[in-house]
Amino acid sequence: MQSAEGWRSILENWPAAIPKQGIILTNYQESIPFQNFLLSPNVVLLERDKPDSLGARKVMLSYEAISAIKLTDTMELARYQVMGFQPVQ
């Protein structure tokens, strides 16, 4: 699976029990904090809780531009199993 498809799948299947917030790292070496998002076939629309240095509160980003998603909540790791992550045995 290509990484763009992987990121899109994770965002499309985001469970309601996990807050839609975190930080997206881009291939452009930019960190984008978000508190919610909407999806289209090729782009994710991220909502910031505070404007960036130019005053923007929303960011449209292609799935191909995502290099990582950082999660800022403090939930136990086991809670992420609903997203398909499993412990190594």
Protein backbone atom coordinates (compact mmCIF):
# COMPACT_ATOMS: atom_id res chain seq x y z
CA MET A 1 0.00 0.00 0.00
CA GLN A 2 1.34 3.43 -0.85
CA SER A 3 1.65 5.89 2.02
CA ALA A 4 -1.00 8.29 0.64
CA GLU A 5 -3.53 5.44 0.61
CA GLY A 6 -2.48 4.45 4.12
CA TRP A 7 -2.95 7.95 5.53
CA ARG A 8 -6.30 8.32 3.77
CA SER A 9 -7.44 4.96 5.19
CA ILE A 10 -6.44 5.93 8.72
CA LEU A 11 -8.25 9.27 8.49
CA GLU A 12 -11.36 7.74 6.83
CA ASN A 13 -11.65 5.08 9.53
CA TRP A 14 -10.85 7.30 12.52
CA PRO A 15 -12.88 5.90 15.44
CA ALA A 16 -15.33 8.15 17.28
CA ALA A 17 -13.74 7.15 20.61
CA ILE A 18 -10.42 8.80 19.68
CA PRO A 19 -10.33 12.62 19.50
CA LYS A 20 -9.70 14.02 16.01
CA GLN A 21 -6.72 16.04 17.14
CA GLY A 22 -2.99 15.90 16.78
CA ILE A 23 -0.18 17.22 14.63
CA ILE A 24 0.40 16.36 10.98
CA LEU A 25 3.97 16.45 9.76
CA THR A 26 4.32 17.17 6.06
CA ASN A 27 6.89 16.26 3.47
CA TYR A 28 7.65 20.01 3.45
CA GLN A 29 8.98 19.78 7.04
CA GLU A 30 5.95 21.67 8.39
CA SER A 31 4.04 20.74 11.55
CA ILE A 32 0.30 21.39 11.39
CA PRO A 33 -1.62 21.06 14.67
CA PHE A 34 -5.28 20.13 14.12
CA GLN A 35 -8.42 19.76 16.22
CA ASN A 36 -10.70 18.31 13.55
CA PHE A 37 -10.66 17.36 9.87
CA LEU A 38 -12.83 16.69 6.84
CA LEU A 39 -11.96 14.40 3.94
CA SER A 40 -12.30 14.48 0.18
CA PRO A 41 -11.01 11.85 -2.27
CA ASN A 42 -7.60 13.57 -2.68
CA VAL A 43 -7.27 16.15 0.09
CA VAL A 44 -7.76 16.43 3.84
CA LEU A 45 -9.08 19.72 5.28
CA LEU A 46 -7.49 20.33 8.68
CA GLU A 47 -8.94 22.72 11.26
CA ARG A 48 -6.51 24.47 13.62
CA ASP A 49 -7.55 25.66 17.08
CA LYS A 50 -5.38 28.78 16.66
CA PRO A 51 -4.41 30.62 13.48
CA ASP A 52 -0.90 30.18 12.07
CA SER A 53 1.49 33.12 11.62
CA LEU A 54 -0.42 34.21 8.51
CA GLY A 55 -3.85 34.00 10.19
CA ALA A 56 -4.96 30.72 8.56
CA ARG A 57 -7.16 28.40 10.63
CA LYS A 58 -7.79 25.78 7.92
CA VAL A 59 -5.29 23.87 5.78
CA MET A 60 -5.99 21.74 2.70
CA LEU A 61 -3.31 19.07 2.31
CA SER A 62 -2.93 16.20 -0.14
CA TYR A 63 -2.57 12.74 1.38
CA GLU A 64 0.74 12.42 -0.51
CA ALA A 65 2.13 15.36 1.49
CA ILE A 66 1.62 13.65 4.87
CA SER A 67 4.74 12.09 6.35
CA ALA A 68 3.49 11.43 9.92
CA ILE A 69 0.61 12.01 12.30
CA LYS A 70 1.43 12.78 15.92
CA LEU A 71 -1.29 12.18 18.52
CA THR A 72 -1.46 14.58 21.45
CA ASP A 73 -3.89 12.77 23.74
CA THR A 74 -2.81 10.71 26.74
CA MET A 75 -4.94 7.60 26.19
CA GLU A 76 -3.45 4.18 26.83
CA LEU A 77 -1.79 2.56 23.82
CA ALA A 78 -4.27 -0.34 23.88
CA ARG A 79 -7.10 2.08 22.98
CA TYR A 80 -5.57 2.43 19.50
CA GLN A 81 -6.25 -1.20 18.68
CA VAL A 82 -9.59 -0.06 17.22
CA MET A 83 -7.49 1.65 14.51
CA GLY A 84 -5.95 -1.70 13.55
CA PHE A 85 -2.77 -1.54 15.64
CA GLN A 86 -1.93 -4.75 17.47
CA PRO A 87 0.69 -5.71 20.06
CA VAL A 88 3.63 -7.83 18.93
CA GLN A 89 3.57 -11.30 20.42
